Structure formats: structure tokens, C-alpha cells
Amino acid sequence: MVTLSELMRESEKLEFRLLQQRMMEAPTFLTSLYFKLRADGVLRQAERRIRREAIGRQQRKNRKGC
């Protein structure tokens, strides 16, 4: 089974790692929460992009079969 991190683009991985690092170094809980939510947003965007690409590949494959 392929993991999400293996399917993520390098730019998405870099942004996610940077936000996680900022989350750990944040001086207050609210600042840490802000960076955590932004990092979660990066993951959700990557998941949506990967799902969209997979659906598109499947649809193209189905059209070729007809």
C-alpha cells in the first residue's frame, strides 16, 4: 500500500515539514495550533489533488476501453 507522503509532491512535503517545525517551535499554544491547522490543510489539499488525478486517470482509461 502506497502512503500519502509517497504520493505528495516535493513542494508539498517541504511546506508540510516547515509548518510542522514552526508548530514545534511556536512560543504559544495558539500559534502552535495555527501552524498545525495550516499543516493539516496542506495534507488535505494533497489528498484532494491525488484523488482528482486518480479519478481522471480512471476516466481516461474507461474512455479508451469503449
Protein backbone atom coordinates (compact mmCIF):
# COMPACT_ATOMS: atom_id res chain seq x y z
CA MET A 1 0.00 0.00 0.00
CA VAL A 2 1.34 3.39 -1.00
CA THR A 3 1.39 6.09 1.68
CA LEU A 4 0.23 9.67 1.24
CA SER A 5 3.76 11.01 1.76
CA GLU A 6 5.00 8.91 -1.16
CA LEU A 7 2.38 10.47 -3.44
CA MET A 8 2.93 14.05 -2.29
CA ARG A 9 4.95 16.42 -4.45
CA GLU A 10 8.29 17.60 -3.10
CA SER A 11 6.96 21.15 -2.64
CA GLU A 12 4.04 19.82 -0.56
CA LYS A 13 6.39 17.72 1.57
CA LEU A 14 8.69 20.68 2.14
CA GLU A 15 5.83 23.00 3.10
CA PHE A 16 4.38 20.37 5.46
CA ARG A 17 7.74 19.78 7.18
CA LEU A 18 8.33 23.53 7.51
CA LEU A 19 4.90 24.07 9.09
CA GLN A 20 5.45 21.14 11.47
CA GLN A 21 8.79 22.60 12.52
CA ARG A 22 7.22 26.02 13.12
CA MET A 23 4.46 24.33 15.11
CA MET A 24 7.04 22.73 17.43
CA GLU A 25 8.97 25.99 17.87
CA ALA A 26 5.89 28.19 18.39
CA PRO A 27 6.03 30.23 21.60
CA THR A 28 2.34 29.91 22.45
CA PHE A 29 -0.35 27.27 22.15
CA LEU A 30 -2.45 29.35 19.76
CA THR A 31 0.49 29.94 17.44
CA SER A 32 1.26 26.24 17.53
CA LEU A 33 -2.37 25.43 16.75
CA TYR A 34 -2.31 27.86 13.82
CA PHE A 35 0.66 26.09 12.23
CA LYS A 36 -0.87 22.67 12.94
CA LEU A 37 -4.07 23.66 11.14
CA ARG A 38 -2.08 25.01 8.20
CA ALA A 39 -0.08 21.76 8.02
CA ASP A 40 -3.34 19.78 8.10
CA GLY A 41 -4.60 21.96 5.26
CA VAL A 42 -1.54 21.08 3.17
CA LEU A 43 -2.27 17.38 3.71
CA ARG A 44 -5.93 17.78 2.76
CA GLN A 45 -5.00 19.68 -0.40
CA ALA A 46 -2.55 16.94 -1.38
CA GLU A 47 -5.17 14.25 -0.75
CA ARG A 48 -7.73 16.08 -2.91
CA ARG A 49 -5.21 16.59 -5.72
CA ILE A 50 -4.16 12.92 -5.65
CA ARG A 51 -7.79 11.76 -5.63
CA ARG A 52 -8.65 14.11 -8.53
CA GLU A 53 -5.70 12.83 -10.57
CA ALA A 54 -6.64 9.19 -9.87
CA ILE A 55 -10.26 9.78 -10.91
CA GLY A 56 -9.06 11.49 -14.10
CA ARG A 57 -6.76 8.58 -14.93
CA GLN A 58 -9.60 6.12 -14.35
CA GLN A 59 -11.99 8.09 -16.55
CA ARG A 60 -9.42 8.31 -19.37
CA LYS A 61 -8.78 4.58 -19.10
CA ASN A 62 -12.53 3.87 -19.25
CA ARG A 63 -12.96 6.03 -22.36
CA LYS A 64 -10.18 4.19 -24.17
CA GLY A 65 -11.85 0.85 -23.42
CA CYS A 66 -15.10 1.82 -25.17
